[in-house]
PDB file of N, CA and C in Angstrom:
ATOM      1  N   MET A   1       0.795  -1.320   0.082  1.00  0.00           N
ATOM      2  CA  MET A   1       0.092   0.106  -0.082  1.00  0.00           C
ATOM      3  C   MET A   1       0.911   1.229   0.245  1.00  0.00           C
ATOM      4  N   THR A   2       0.347   2.459  -0.368  1.00  0.00           N
ATOM      5  CA  THR A   2       1.034   3.589  -0.428  1.00  0.00           C
ATOM      6  C   THR A   2       0.402   4.792   0.416  1.00  0.00           C
ATOM      7  N   VAL A   3       0.924   5.764   0.516  1.00  0.00           N
ATOM      8  CA  VAL A   3       0.563   6.948   1.292  1.00  0.00           C
ATOM      9  C   VAL A   3      -0.759   7.455   0.690  1.00  0.00           C
ATOM     10  N   ALA A   4      -0.735   7.286  -0.677  1.00  0.00           N
ATOM     11  CA  ALA A   4      -2.089   7.591  -1.396  1.00  0.00           C
ATOM     12  C   ALA A   4      -3.198   6.729  -0.992  1.00  0.00           C
ATOM     13  N   ASP A   5      -2.875   5.576  -0.940  1.00  0.00           N
ATOM     14  CA  ASP A   5      -3.848   4.536  -0.598  1.00  0.00           C
ATOM     15  C   ASP A   5      -4.274   4.881   0.967  1.00  0.00           C
ATOM     16  N   PHE A   6      -3.422   5.012   1.839  1.00  0.00           N
ATOM     17  CA  PHE A   6      -3.905   5.409   3.157  1.00  0.00           C
ATOM     18  C   PHE A   6      -4.784   6.691   3.236  1.00  0.00           C
ATOM     19  N   ARG A   7      -4.539   7.554   2.354  1.00  0.00           N
ATOM     20  CA  ARG A   7      -5.142   8.808   2.610  1.00  0.00           C
ATOM     21  C   ARG A   7      -6.563   8.584   1.849  1.00  0.00           C
ATOM     22  N   ARG A   8      -6.688   7.892   0.685  1.00  0.00           N
ATOM     23  CA  ARG A   8      -7.955   7.399   0.016  1.00  0.00           C
ATOM     24  C   ARG A   8      -8.941   6.750   0.985  1.00  0.00           C
ATOM     25  N   ILE A   9      -8.217   5.808   1.822  1.00  0.00           N
ATOM     26  CA  ILE A   9      -9.205   4.948   2.688  1.00  0.00           C
ATOM     27  C   ILE A   9      -9.584   5.792   3.685  1.00  0.00           C
ATOM     28  N   ALA A  10      -8.578   6.433   4.410  1.00  0.00           N
ATOM     29  CA  ALA A  10      -8.806   7.433   5.676  1.00  0.00           C
ATOM     30  C   ALA A  10     -10.156   8.354   5.264  1.00  0.00           C
ATOM     31  N   LEU A  11      -9.959   8.988   4.086  1.00  0.00           N
ATOM     32  CA  LEU A  11     -11.029   9.942   3.700  1.00  0.00           C
ATOM     33  C   LEU A  11     -12.320   9.319   3.263  1.00  0.00           C
ATOM     34  N   SER A  12     -12.225   8.145   3.095  1.00  0.00           N
ATOM     35  CA  SER A  12     -13.555   7.288   2.448  1.00  0.00           C
ATOM     36  C   SER A  12     -14.569   7.167   3.714  1.00  0.00           C
ATOM     37  N   LEU A  13     -13.751   7.260   4.924  1.00  0.00           N
ATOM     38  CA  LEU A  13     -14.743   6.926   6.140  1.00  0.00           C
ATOM     39  C   LEU A  13     -15.653   8.062   6.446  1.00  0.00           C
ATOM     40  N   GLU A  14     -16.678   7.877   6.946  1.00  0.00           N
ATOM     41  CA  GLU A  14     -17.774   8.872   7.064  1.00  0.00           C
ATOM     42  C   GLU A  14     -17.436   9.925   8.215  1.00  0.00           C
ATOM     43  N   GLY A  15     -17.267  11.238   7.659  1.00  0.00           N
ATOM     44  CA  GLY A  15     -17.130  12.416   8.345  1.00  0.00           C
ATOM     45  C   GLY A  15     -15.602  12.607   8.671  1.00  0.00           C
ATOM     46  N   ALA A  16     -14.761  11.923   7.834  1.00  0.00           N
ATOM     47  CA  ALA A  16     -13.206  12.034   7.917  1.00  0.00           C
ATOM     48  C   ALA A  16     -13.002  13.315   7.165  1.00  0.00           C
ATOM     49  N   GLU A  17     -11.982  13.992   7.716  1.00  0.00           N
ATOM     50  CA  GLU A  17     -11.374  15.094   6.940  1.00  0.00           C
ATOM     51  C   GLU A  17      -9.935  15.035   7.292  1.00  0.00           C
ATOM     52  N   GLU A  18      -9.207  15.563   6.293  1.00  0.00           N
ATOM     53  CA  GLU A  18      -7.750  15.635   6.293  1.00  0.00           C
ATOM     54  C   GLU A  18      -7.163  17.248   6.842  1.00  0.00           C
ATOM     55  N   SER A  19      -6.341  17.143   7.800  1.00  0.00           N
ATOM     56  CA  SER A  19      -6.059  18.454   8.669  1.00  0.00           C
ATOM     57  C   SER A  19      -4.401  18.202   8.520  1.00  0.00           C
ATOM     58  N   SER A  20      -3.855  18.966   9.558  1.00  0.00           N
ATOM     59  CA  SER A  20      -2.478  18.729   9.919  1.00  0.00           C
ATOM     60  C   SER A  20      -2.267  19.013  11.357  1.00  0.00           C
ATOM     61  N   HIS A  21      -1.151  18.368  11.836  1.00  0.00           N
ATOM     62  CA  HIS A  21      -0.607  18.555  13.294  1.00  0.00           C
ATOM     63  C   HIS A  21       0.861  18.497  13.251  1.00  0.00           C
ATOM     64  N   MET A  22       1.357  19.567  13.597  1.00  0.00           N
ATOM     65  CA  MET A  22       2.901  19.672  13.621  1.00  0.00           C
ATOM     66  C   MET A  22       3.642  19.694  12.332  1.00  0.00           C
ATOM     67  N   ARG A  23       2.685  19.988  11.345  1.00  0.00           N
ATOM     68  CA  ARG A  23       3.184  20.128   9.792  1.00  0.00           C
ATOM     69  C   ARG A  23       3.098  18.623   9.344  1.00  0.00           C
ATOM     70  N   SER A  24       2.377  17.672   9.831  1.00  0.00           N
ATOM     71  CA  SER A  24       2.127  16.376   9.333  1.00  0.00           C
ATOM     72  C   SER A  24       0.510  16.260   9.043  1.00  0.00           C
ATOM     73  N   PRO A  25       0.439  15.565   7.877  1.00  0.00           N
ATOM     74  CA  PRO A  25      -1.005  15.107   7.464  1.00  0.00           C
ATOM     75  C   PRO A  25      -1.728  14.306   8.718  1.00  0.00           C
ATOM     76  N   ASP A  26      -2.819  14.675   8.914  1.00  0.00           N
ATOM     77  CA  ASP A  26      -3.598  13.887  10.059  1.00  0.00           C
ATOM     78  C   ASP A  26      -5.063  13.681   9.329  1.00  0.00           C
ATOM     79  N   PHE A  27      -5.940  12.865  10.080  1.00  0.00           N
ATOM     80  CA  PHE A  27      -7.113  12.613   9.576  1.00  0.00           C
ATOM     81  C   PHE A  27      -7.977  12.502  10.913  1.00  0.00           C
ATOM     82  N   ARG A  28      -9.053  13.345  10.712  1.00  0.00           N
ATOM     83  CA  ARG A  28      -9.872  13.478  12.064  1.00  0.00           C
ATOM     84  C   ARG A  28     -11.334  13.269  11.754  1.00  0.00           C
ATOM     85  N   VAL A  29     -12.134  13.014  12.681  1.00  0.00           N
ATOM     86  CA  VAL A  29     -13.591  12.959  12.516  1.00  0.00           C
ATOM     87  C   VAL A  29     -13.970  13.543  13.940  1.00  0.00           C
ATOM     88  N   GLY A  30     -14.821  14.308  13.693  1.00  0.00           N
ATOM     89  CA  GLY A  30     -15.483  15.468  14.834  1.00  0.00           C
ATOM     90  C   GLY A  30     -14.399  16.024  15.484  1.00  0.00           C
ATOM     91  N   GLY A  31     -13.369  16.511  14.561  1.00  0.00           N
ATOM     92  CA  GLY A  31     -12.455  17.399  14.866  1.00  0.00           C
ATOM     93  C   GLY A  31     -11.108  16.696  15.852  1.00  0.00           C
ATOM     94  N   ARG A  32     -11.200  15.380  15.789  1.00  0.00           N
ATOM     95  CA  ARG A  32     -10.221  14.846  16.663  1.00  0.00           C
ATOM     96  C   ARG A  32      -9.706  13.647  15.772  1.00  0.00           C
ATOM     97  N   ILE A  33      -8.083  13.536  16.086  1.00  0.00           N
ATOM     98  CA  ILE A  33      -7.481  12.797  15.227  1.00  0.00           C
ATOM     99  C   ILE A  33      -7.588  11.160  15.439  1.00  0.00           C
ATOM    100  N   PHE A  34      -7.724  10.442  14.431  1.00  0.00           N
ATOM    101  CA  PHE A  34      -7.713   8.957  14.525  1.00  0.00           C
ATOM    102  C   PHE A  34      -6.421   8.357  13.746  1.00  0.00           C
ATOM    103  N   ALA A  35      -5.749   9.207  12.836  1.00  0.00           N
ATOM    104  CA  ALA A  35      -4.767   8.620  12.068  1.00  0.00           C
ATOM    105  C   ALA A  35      -3.825   9.644  11.641  1.00  0.00           C
ATOM    106  N   THR A  36      -2.593   9.316  11.257  1.00  0.00           N
ATOM    107  CA  THR A  36      -1.688  10.286  10.652  1.00  0.00           C
ATOM    108  C   THR A  36      -0.718   9.707   9.533  1.00  0.00           C
ATOM    109  N   LEU A  37      -0.041  10.689   8.971  1.00  0.00           N
ATOM    110  CA  LEU A  37       0.964  10.383   8.129  1.00  0.00           C
ATOM    111  C   LEU A  37       2.076  11.035   8.513  1.00  0.00           C
ATOM    112  N   ALA A  38       2.352  11.218   9.826  1.00  0.00           N
ATOM    113  CA  ALA A  38       3.634  11.717  10.429  1.00  0.00           C
ATOM    114  C   ALA A  38       4.925  11.038   9.965  1.00  0.00           C
ATOM    115  N   SER A  39       4.761   9.883   9.873  1.00  0.00           N
ATOM    116  CA  SER A  39       5.954   8.852   9.351  1.00  0.00           C
ATOM    117  C   SER A  39       6.077   8.528   8.091  1.00  0.00           C
ATOM    118  N   GLN A  40       5.345   9.265   7.303  1.00  0.00           N
ATOM    119  CA  GLN A  40       5.166   8.600   5.809  1.00  0.00           C
ATOM    120  C   GLN A  40       6.698   8.478   5.136  1.00  0.00           C
ATOM    121  N   ARG A  41       7.650   9.390   5.546  1.00  0.00           N
ATOM    122  CA  ARG A  41       9.015   9.328   4.938  1.00  0.00           C
ATOM    123  C   ARG A  41       9.585   8.083   5.352  1.00  0.00           C
ATOM    124  N   GLN A  42       9.395   7.453   6.257  1.00  0.00           N
ATOM    125  CA  GLN A  42       9.914   6.173   6.840  1.00  0.00           C
ATOM    126  C   GLN A  42       9.042   4.895   6.208  1.00  0.00           C
ATOM    127  N   GLY A  43       7.914   5.220   5.606  1.00  0.00           N
ATOM    128  CA  GLY A  43       7.242   4.254   5.225  1.00  0.00           C
ATOM    129  C   GLY A  43       6.108   3.847   5.860  1.00  0.00           C
ATOM    130  N   TYR A  44       5.600   4.462   6.716  1.00  0.00           N
ATOM    131  CA  TYR A  44       4.524   4.255   7.788  1.00  0.00           C
ATOM    132  C   TYR A  44       3.372   5.257   7.621  1.00  0.00           C
ATOM    133  N   GLY A  45       2.130   4.648   7.944  1.00  0.00           N
ATOM    134  CA  GLY A  45       0.997   5.476   8.390  1.00  0.00           C
ATOM    135  C   GLY A  45       0.683   5.185   9.832  1.00  0.00           C
ATOM    136  N   ASN A  46      -0.101   6.110  10.357  1.00  0.00           N
ATOM    137  CA  ASN A  46      -0.065   5.804  11.899  1.00  0.00           C
ATOM    138  C   ASN A  46      -1.685   5.763  12.160  1.00  0.00           C
ATOM    139  N   VAL A  47      -1.805   4.975  13.296  1.00  0.00           N
ATOM    140  CA  VAL A  47      -3.456   4.741  13.779  1.00  0.00           C
ATOM    141  C   VAL A  47      -3.526   4.921  15.135  1.00  0.00           C
ATOM    142  N   LYS A  48      -4.526   5.653  15.778  1.00  0.00           N
ATOM    143  CA  LYS A  48      -4.560   5.631  17.176  1.00  0.00           C
ATOM    144  C   LYS A  48      -5.740   4.575  17.680  1.00  0.00           C
ATOM    145  N   LEU A  49      -4.966   3.727  18.231  1.00  0.00           N
ATOM    146  CA  LEU A  49      -5.759   2.481  18.927  1.00  0.00           C
ATOM    147  C   LEU A  49      -5.708   2.531  20.510  1.00  0.00           C
ATOM    148  N   THR A  50      -6.307   1.607  20.933  1.00  0.00           N
ATOM    149  CA  THR A  50      -6.186   1.421  22.482  1.00  0.00           C
ATOM    150  C   THR A  50      -4.890   0.665  22.610  1.00  0.00           C
ATOM    151  N   PRO A  51      -4.168   0.561  23.904  1.00  0.00           N
ATOM    152  CA  PRO A  51      -3.086  -0.317  24.058  1.00  0.00           C
ATOM    153  C   PRO A  51      -3.584  -1.794  23.884  1.00  0.00           C
ATOM    154  N   GLU A  52      -4.732  -2.170  24.299  1.00  0.00           N
ATOM    155  CA  GLU A  52      -5.143  -3.715  24.166  1.00  0.00           C
ATOM    156  C   GLU A  52      -5.332  -4.106  22.610  1.00  0.00           C
ATOM    157  N   LEU A  53      -5.788  -3.061  21.676  1.00  0.00           N
ATOM    158  CA  LEU A  53      -6.017  -3.547  20.529  1.00  0.00           C
ATOM    159  C   LEU A  53      -4.643  -3.462  19.755  1.00  0.00           C
ATOM    160  N   GLN A  54      -3.686  -2.312  20.109  1.00  0.00           N
ATOM    161  CA  GLN A  54      -2.451  -2.418  19.707  1.00  0.00           C
ATOM    162  C   GLN A  54      -1.811  -3.648  19.704  1.00  0.00           C
ATOM    163  N   ALA A  55      -1.815  -4.303  20.922  1.00  0.00           N
ATOM    164  CA  ALA A  55      -1.221  -5.548  21.223  1.00  0.00           C
ATOM    165  C   ALA A  55      -1.781  -6.524  20.265  1.00  0.00           C
ATOM    166  N   GLU A  56      -3.268  -6.530  20.185  1.00  0.00           N
ATOM    167  CA  GLU A  56      -3.690  -7.717  19.298  1.00  0.00           C
ATOM    168  C   GLU A  56      -3.198  -7.524  17.778  1.00  0.00           C
ATOM    169  N   PHE A  57      -3.418  -6.355  17.375  1.00  0.00           N
ATOM    170  CA  PHE A  57      -2.594  -5.996  15.791  1.00  0.00           C
ATOM    171  C   PHE A  57      -1.242  -6.393  15.785  1.00  0.00           C
ATOM    172  N   VAL A  58      -0.476  -6.115  16.869  1.00  0.00           N
ATOM    173  CA  VAL A  58       1.049  -6.547  16.537  1.00  0.00           C
ATOM    174  C   VAL A  58       1.163  -7.882  16.698  1.00  0.00           C
ATOM    175  N   LYS A  59       0.440  -8.615  17.649  1.00  0.00           N
ATOM    176  CA  LYS A  59       0.651 -10.038  17.847  1.00  0.00           C
ATOM    177  C   LYS A  59       0.036 -10.825  16.387  1.00  0.00           C
ATOM    178  N   GLU A  60      -0.862 -10.108  15.747  1.00  0.00           N
ATOM    179  CA  GLU A  60      -1.505 -10.910  14.758  1.00  0.00           C
ATOM    180  C   GLU A  60      -0.616 -10.741  13.363  1.00  0.00           C
ATOM    181  N   LEU A  61      -0.051  -9.435  13.229  1.00  0.00           N
ATOM    182  CA  LEU A  61       0.769  -9.241  12.059  1.00  0.00           C
ATOM    183  C   LEU A  61       1.817  -8.315  12.448  1.00  0.00           C
ATOM    184  N   PRO A  62       2.871  -8.964  13.079  1.00  0.00           N
ATOM    185  CA  PRO A  62       4.075  -8.226  13.468  1.00  0.00           C
ATOM    186  C   PRO A  62       4.805  -7.450  12.279  1.00  0.00           C
ATOM    187  N   ASP A  63       4.758  -8.021  11.067  1.00  0.00           N
ATOM    188  CA  ASP A  63       5.425  -7.570  10.112  1.00  0.00           C
ATOM    189  C   ASP A  63       4.698  -6.151   9.528  1.00  0.00           C
ATOM    190  N   VAL A  64       3.591  -5.900  10.031  1.00  0.00           N
ATOM    191  CA  VAL A  64       3.042  -4.873   9.431  1.00  0.00           C
ATOM    192  C   VAL A  64       2.641  -3.729  10.481  1.00  0.00           C
ATOM    193  N   PHE A  65       2.212  -4.049  11.778  1.00  0.00           N
ATOM    194  CA  PHE A  65       2.115  -3.312  12.747  1.00  0.00           C
ATOM    195  C   PHE A  65       3.067  -3.332  13.833  1.00  0.00           C
ATOM    196  N   VAL A  66       3.517  -2.027  14.443  1.00  0.00           N
ATOM    197  CA  VAL A  66       4.742  -1.732  15.129  1.00  0.00           C
ATOM    198  C   VAL A  66       4.158  -0.605  16.237  1.00  0.00           C
ATOM    199  N   PRO A  67       4.379  -0.757  17.441  1.00  0.00           N
ATOM    200  CA  PRO A  67       4.055   0.384  18.499  1.00  0.00           C
ATOM    201  C   PRO A  67       5.113   1.381  18.085  1.00  0.00           C
ATOM    202  N   ILE A  68       4.547   2.870  18.093  1.00  0.00           N
ATOM    203  CA  ILE A  68       5.279   3.908  18.069  1.00  0.00           C
ATOM    204  C   ILE A  68       6.309   3.965  19.216  1.00  0.00           C
ATOM    205  N   ALA A  69       7.469   4.447  19.098  1.00  0.00           N
ATOM    206  CA  ALA A  69       8.461   4.504  20.123  1.00  0.00           C
ATOM    207  C   ALA A  69       8.132   5.264  21.207  1.00  0.00           C
ATOM    208  N   GLY A  70       8.337   5.310  22.304  1.00  0.00           N
ATOM    209  CA  GLY A  70       8.033   6.014  23.518  1.00  0.00           C
ATOM    210  C   GLY A  70       6.592   6.175  24.012  1.00  0.00           C
ATOM    211  N   GLY A  71       6.320   7.387  24.768  1.00  0.00           N
ATOM    212  CA  GLY A  71       4.990   7.349  25.305  1.00  0.00           C
ATOM    213  C   GLY A  71       3.850   7.318  24.229  1.00  0.00           C
ATOM    214  N   TRP A  72       3.900   7.940  23.082  1.00  0.00           N
ATOM    215  CA  TRP A  72       2.885   7.796  22.297  1.00  0.00           C
ATOM    216  C   TRP A  72       2.633   6.214  21.999  1.00  0.00           C
ATOM    217  N   GLY A  73       3.651   5.402  21.706  1.00  0.00           N
ATOM    218  CA  GLY A  73       3.353   4.029  21.558  1.00  0.00           C
ATOM    219  C   GLY A  73       2.563   3.405  22.680  1.00  0.00           C
ATOM    220  N   LYS A  74       2.847   3.764  23.883  1.00  0.00           N
ATOM    221  CA  LYS A  74       2.309   3.149  25.284  1.00  0.00           C
ATOM    222  C   LYS A  74       0.703   3.563  25.118  1.00  0.00           C
ATOM    223  N   THR A  75       0.390   4.760  24.658  1.00  0.00           N
ATOM    224  CA  THR A  75      -0.947   5.124  24.562  1.00  0.00           C
ATOM    225  C   THR A  75      -1.843   4.360  23.428  1.00  0.00           C
ATOM    226  N   GLY A  76      -1.171   3.589  22.634  1.00  0.00           N
ATOM    227  CA  GLY A  76      -1.867   2.937  21.664  1.00  0.00           C
ATOM    228  C   GLY A  76      -1.462   3.464  20.130  1.00  0.00           C
ATOM    229  N   MET A  77      -0.615   4.490  20.152  1.00  0.00           N
ATOM    230  CA  MET A  77      -0.299   5.092  18.610  1.00  0.00           C
ATOM    231  C   MET A  77       0.528   3.898  17.925  1.00  0.00           C
ATOM    232  N   THR A  78       0.144   3.391  16.744  1.00  0.00           N
ATOM    233  CA  THR A  78       0.851   2.431  15.964  1.00  0.00           C
ATOM    234  C   THR A  78       1.007   2.543  14.871  1.00  0.00           C
ATOM    235  N   HIS A  79       2.444   2.240  14.304  1.00  0.00           N
ATOM    236  CA  HIS A  79       2.818   2.530  12.887  1.00  0.00           C
ATOM    237  C   HIS A  79       2.312   1.334  11.833  1.00  0.00           C
ATOM    238  N   ILE A  80       1.808   1.553  10.899  1.00  0.00           N
ATOM    239  CA  ILE A  80       1.603   0.618   9.855  1.00  0.00           C
ATOM    240  C   ILE A  80       2.583   0.611   8.811  1.00  0.00           C
ATOM    241  N   ARG A  81       3.350  -0.489   8.571  1.00  0.00           N
ATOM    242  CA  ARG A  81       4.282  -0.789   7.472  1.00  0.00           C
ATOM    243  C   ARG A  81       3.407  -0.741   6.197  1.00  0.00           C
ATOM    244  N   LEU A  82       3.625   0.447   5.543  1.00  0.00           N
ATOM    245  CA  LEU A  82       2.580   0.522   4.230  1.00  0.00           C
ATOM    246  C   LEU A  82       2.757  -0.727   3.166  1.00  0.00           C
ATOM    247  N   ALA A  83       4.197  -0.729   3.075  1.00  0.00           N
ATOM    248  CA  ALA A  83       4.600  -1.786   1.953  1.00  0.00           C
ATOM    249  C   ALA A  83       4.238  -3.159   2.467  1.00  0.00           C
ATOM    250  N   ALA A  84       3.964  -3.326   3.650  1.00  0.00           N
ATOM    251  CA  ALA A  84       3.852  -4.767   4.096  1.00  0.00           C
ATOM    252  C   ALA A  84       2.275  -4.786   4.168  1.00  0.00           C
ATOM    253  N   ALA A  85       1.415  -3.906   4.070  1.00  0.00           N
ATOM    254  CA  ALA A  85      -0.046  -4.075   4.252  1.00  0.00           C
ATOM    255  C   ALA A  85      -0.700  -4.232   3.153  1.00  0.00           C
ATOM    256  N   ASN A  86      -1.855  -5.138   3.033  1.00  0.00           N
ATOM    257  CA  ASN A  86      -2.930  -5.066   1.773  1.00  0.00           C
ATOM    258  C   ASN A  86      -4.023  -4.277   2.089  1.00  0.00           C
ATOM    259  N   GLU A  87      -4.640  -4.084   1.052  1.00  0.00           N
ATOM    260  CA  GLU A  87      -5.868  -3.239   1.275  1.00  0.00           C
ATOM    261  C   GLU A  87      -6.852  -3.485   2.446  1.00  0.00           C
ATOM    262  N   ASP A  88      -7.114  -4.664   2.476  1.00  0.00           N
ATOM    263  CA  ASP A  88      -7.815  -5.170   3.692  1.00  0.00           C
ATOM    264  C   ASP A  88      -7.399  -4.729   5.099  1.00  0.00           C
ATOM    265  N   VAL A  89      -6.093  -5.199   5.240  1.00  0.00           N
ATOM    266  CA  VAL A  89      -5.440  -4.873   6.386  1.00  0.00           C
ATOM    267  C   VAL A  89      -5.507  -3.308   6.844  1.00  0.00           C
ATOM    268  N   LEU A  90      -5.090  -2.546   5.918  1.00  0.00           N
ATOM    269  CA  LEU A  90      -5.126  -1.205   6.100  1.00  0.00           C
ATOM    270  C   LEU A  90      -6.455  -0.577   6.119  1.00  0.00           C
ATOM    271  N   ALA A  91      -7.343  -1.077   5.400  1.00  0.00           N
ATOM    272  CA  ALA A  91      -8.713  -0.603   5.684  1.00  0.00           C
ATOM    273  C   ALA A  91      -9.392  -0.839   7.176  1.00  0.00           C
ATOM    274  N   GLY A  92      -9.126  -1.980   7.481  1.00  0.00           N
ATOM    275  CA  GLY A  92      -9.534  -2.696   8.806  1.00  0.00           C
ATOM    276  C   GLY A  92      -8.930  -1.794   9.941  1.00  0.00           C
ATOM    277  N   ALA A  93      -7.574  -1.471   9.652  1.00  0.00           N
ATOM    278  CA  ALA A  93      -6.914  -0.728  10.825  1.00  0.00           C
ATOM    279  C   ALA A  93      -7.512   0.666  10.967  1.00  0.00           C
ATOM    280  N   LEU A  94      -7.676   1.345   9.877  1.00  0.00           N
ATOM    281  CA  LEU A  94      -7.955   2.752   9.623  1.00  0.00           C
ATOM    282  C   LEU A  94      -9.462   2.726  10.273  1.00  0.00           C
ATOM    283  N   ARG A  95     -10.382   1.777   9.842  1.00  0.00           N
ATOM    284  CA  ARG A  95     -11.740   1.704  10.302  1.00  0.00           C
ATOM    285  C   ARG A  95     -11.749   1.573  11.714  1.00  0.00           C
ATOM    286  N   THR A  96     -10.945   0.546  12.479  1.00  0.00           N
ATOM    287  CA  THR A  96     -10.883   0.599  13.806  1.00  0.00           C
ATOM    288  C   THR A  96     -10.557   1.850  14.594  1.00  0.00           C
ATOM    289  N   ALA A  97      -9.671   2.575  13.956  1.00  0.00           N
ATOM    290  CA  ALA A  97      -9.065   3.786  14.713  1.00  0.00           C
ATOM    291  C   ALA A  97     -10.309   4.849  14.495  1.00  0.00           C
ATOM    292  N   TRP A  98     -10.741   4.826  13.429  1.00  0.00           N
ATOM    293  CA  TRP A  98     -11.980   5.689  13.108  1.00  0.00           C
ATOM    294  C   TRP A  98     -13.073   5.499  14.078  1.00  0.00           C
ATOM    295  N   LYS A  99     -13.408   4.147  14.200  1.00  0.00           N
ATOM    296  CA  LYS A  99     -14.763   3.947  15.088  1.00  0.00           C
ATOM    297  C   LYS A  99     -14.459   4.230  16.494  1.00  0.00           C
ATOM    298  N   LEU A 100     -13.162   3.967  17.087  1.00  0.00           N
ATOM    299  CA  LEU A 100     -12.719   4.136  18.324  1.00  0.00           C
ATOM    300  C   LEU A 100     -12.814   5.808  18.643  1.00  0.00           C
ATOM    301  N   ARG A 101     -12.399   6.668  17.644  1.00  0.00           N
ATOM    302  CA  ARG A 101     -12.316   8.053  17.913  1.00  0.00           C
ATOM    303  C   ARG A 101     -13.948   8.481  17.790  1.00  0.00           C
ATOM    304  N   VAL A 102     -14.870   7.982  17.011  1.00  0.00           N
ATOM    305  CA  VAL A 102     -16.273   8.259  17.083  1.00  0.00           C
ATOM    306  C   VAL A 102     -16.861   7.964  18.260  1.00  0.00           C
ATOM    307  N   GLU A 103     -16.572   6.664  18.787  1.00  0.00           N
ATOM    308  CA  GLU A 103     -17.034   6.501  20.034  1.00  0.00           C
ATOM    309  C   GLU A 103     -16.816   7.236  21.409  1.00  0.00           C
ATOM    310  N   LEU A 104     -15.383   7.714  21.292  1.00  0.00           N
ATOM    311  CA  LEU A 104     -14.715   8.632  22.144  1.00  0.00           C
ATOM    312  C   LEU A 104     -15.495  10.097  22.205  1.00  0.00           C
ATOM    313  N   ASN A 105     -15.522  10.406  20.892  1.00  0.00           N
ATOM    314  CA  ASN A 105     -16.194  11.668  20.624  1.00  0.00           C
ATOM    315  C   ASN A 105     -17.726  11.633  21.356  1.00  0.00           C
ATOM    316  N   ARG A 106     -18.529  10.557  21.276  1.00  0.00           N
ATOM    317  CA  ARG A 106     -19.917  10.421  21.826  1.00  0.00           C
ATOM    318  C   ARG A 106     -19.908  10.178  23.452  1.00  0.00           C
ATOM    319  N   GLY A 107     -18.672   9.694  23.896  1.00  0.00           N
ATOM    320  CA  GLY A 107     -18.745   9.433  25.044  1.00  0.00           C
ATOM    321  C   GLY A 107     -19.134  10.526  26.183  1.00  0.00           C
ATOM    322  N   PRO A 108     -19.475  10.196  27.375  1.00  0.00           N
ATOM    323  CA  PRO A 108     -20.021  11.096  28.387  1.00  0.00           C
ATOM    324  C   PRO A 108     -18.765  12.327  28.674  1.00  0.00           C
ATOM    325  N   ALA A 109     -17.565  11.980  28.713  1.00  0.00           N
ATOM    326  CA  ALA A 109     -16.676  12.976  29.095  1.00  0.00           C
ATOM    327  C   ALA A 109     -16.792  14.204  28.069  1.00  0.00           C
ATOM    328  N   ARG A 110     -16.861  13.901  26.925  1.00  0.00           N
ATOM    329  CA  ARG A 110     -17.194  14.936  25.594  1.00  0.00           C
ATOM    330  C   ARG A 110     -18.383  15.750  25.898  1.00  0.00           C
ATOM    331  N   ARG A 111     -19.434  14.899  26.268  1.00  0.00           N
ATOM    332  CA  ARG A 111     -20.851  15.462  26.386  1.00  0.00           C
ATOM    333  C   ARG A 111     -20.924  16.490  27.683  1.00  0.00           C
ATOM    334  N   ASN A 112     -19.990  16.333  28.453  1.00  0.00           N
ATOM    335  CA  ASN A 112     -20.093  17.145  29.756  1.00  0.00           C
ATOM    336  C   ASN A 112     -19.288  18.457  29.746  1.00  0.00           C
ATOM    337  N   VAL A 113     -18.718  18.485  28.589  1.00  0.00           N
ATOM    338  CA  VAL A 113     -17.669  19.775  28.254  1.00  0.00           C
ATOM    339  C   VAL A 113     -18.614  20.933  28.059  1.00  0.00           C
ATOM    340  N   PRO A 114     -18.438  22.032  28.658  1.00  0.00           N
ATOM    341  CA  PRO A 114     -19.376  23.223  28.400  1.00  0.00           C
ATOM    342  C   PRO A 114     -19.062  23.700  27.048  1.00  0.00           C
ATOM    343  N   GLN A 115     -20.113  24.036  26.353  1.00  0.00           N
ATOM    344  CA  GLN A 115     -19.791  24.643  24.979  1.00  0.00           C
ATOM    345  C   GLN A 115     -19.847  26.053  25.238  1.00  0.00           C
ATOM    346  N   LYS A 116     -18.856  26.679  24.304  1.00  0.00           N
ATOM    347  CA  LYS A 116     -18.701  28.135  24.357  1.00  0.00           C
ATOM    348  C   LYS A 116     -19.883  28.662  23.428  1.00  0.00           C
ATOM    349  N   LYS A 117     -20.558  29.686  24.142  1.00  0.00           N
ATOM    350  CA  LYS A 117     -21.552  30.253  23.386  1.00  0.00           C
ATOM    351  C   LYS A 117     -21.164  31.450  22.535  1.00  0.00           C
ATOM    352  N   ALA A 118     -21.965  31.831  21.679  1.00  0.00           N
ATOM    353  CA  ALA A 118     -21.554  32.929  20.704  1.00  0.00           C
ATOM    354  C   ALA A 118     -21.485  34.226  21.555  1.00  0.00           C
ATOM    355  N   GLY A 119     -20.555  35.003  21.262  1.00  0.00           N
ATOM    356  CA  GLY A 119     -20.497  36.122  21.902  1.00  0.00           C
ATOM    357  C   GLY A 119     -19.746  36.172  23.327  1.00  0.00           C
ATOM    358  N   ASN A 120     -19.461  35.048  23.784  1.00  0.00           N
ATOM    359  CA  ASN A 120     -18.645  34.748  24.987  1.00  0.00           C
ATOM    360  C   ASN A 120     -17.124  34.699  24.373  1.00  0.00           C
ATOM    361  N   ARG A 121     -16.339  35.093  25.372  1.00  0.00           N
ATOM    362  CA  ARG A 121     -14.982  35.154  25.142  1.00  0.00           C
ATOM    363  C   ARG A 121     -13.870  34.787  26.109  1.00  0.00           C
TER     364      ARG A 121
END
């Protein structure tokens, strides 16, 4: 798979938009990141998983999935080796990350955040 494939699949998910974080392309739903291309020069796409899901993905396909080094990886951020992934694997990983982000966006912690009203500064 390629960076173009990653982008195409990510943007095919309902409500997904491309943006940028720290000068790297990212993909968001509801304004929150679920995937990035921050490591595209190294041949990776990145998805935001839970640590538990990350462990499952890495165990099942260690040639495709690699935890990102350091603290980000411990929170579930996961590299996808694009050259080693096929369409189904890449689409499944992106869909999983997207679904997790959608569920978190709907969660009670997000519902209880006071919304800024027009005219308030």
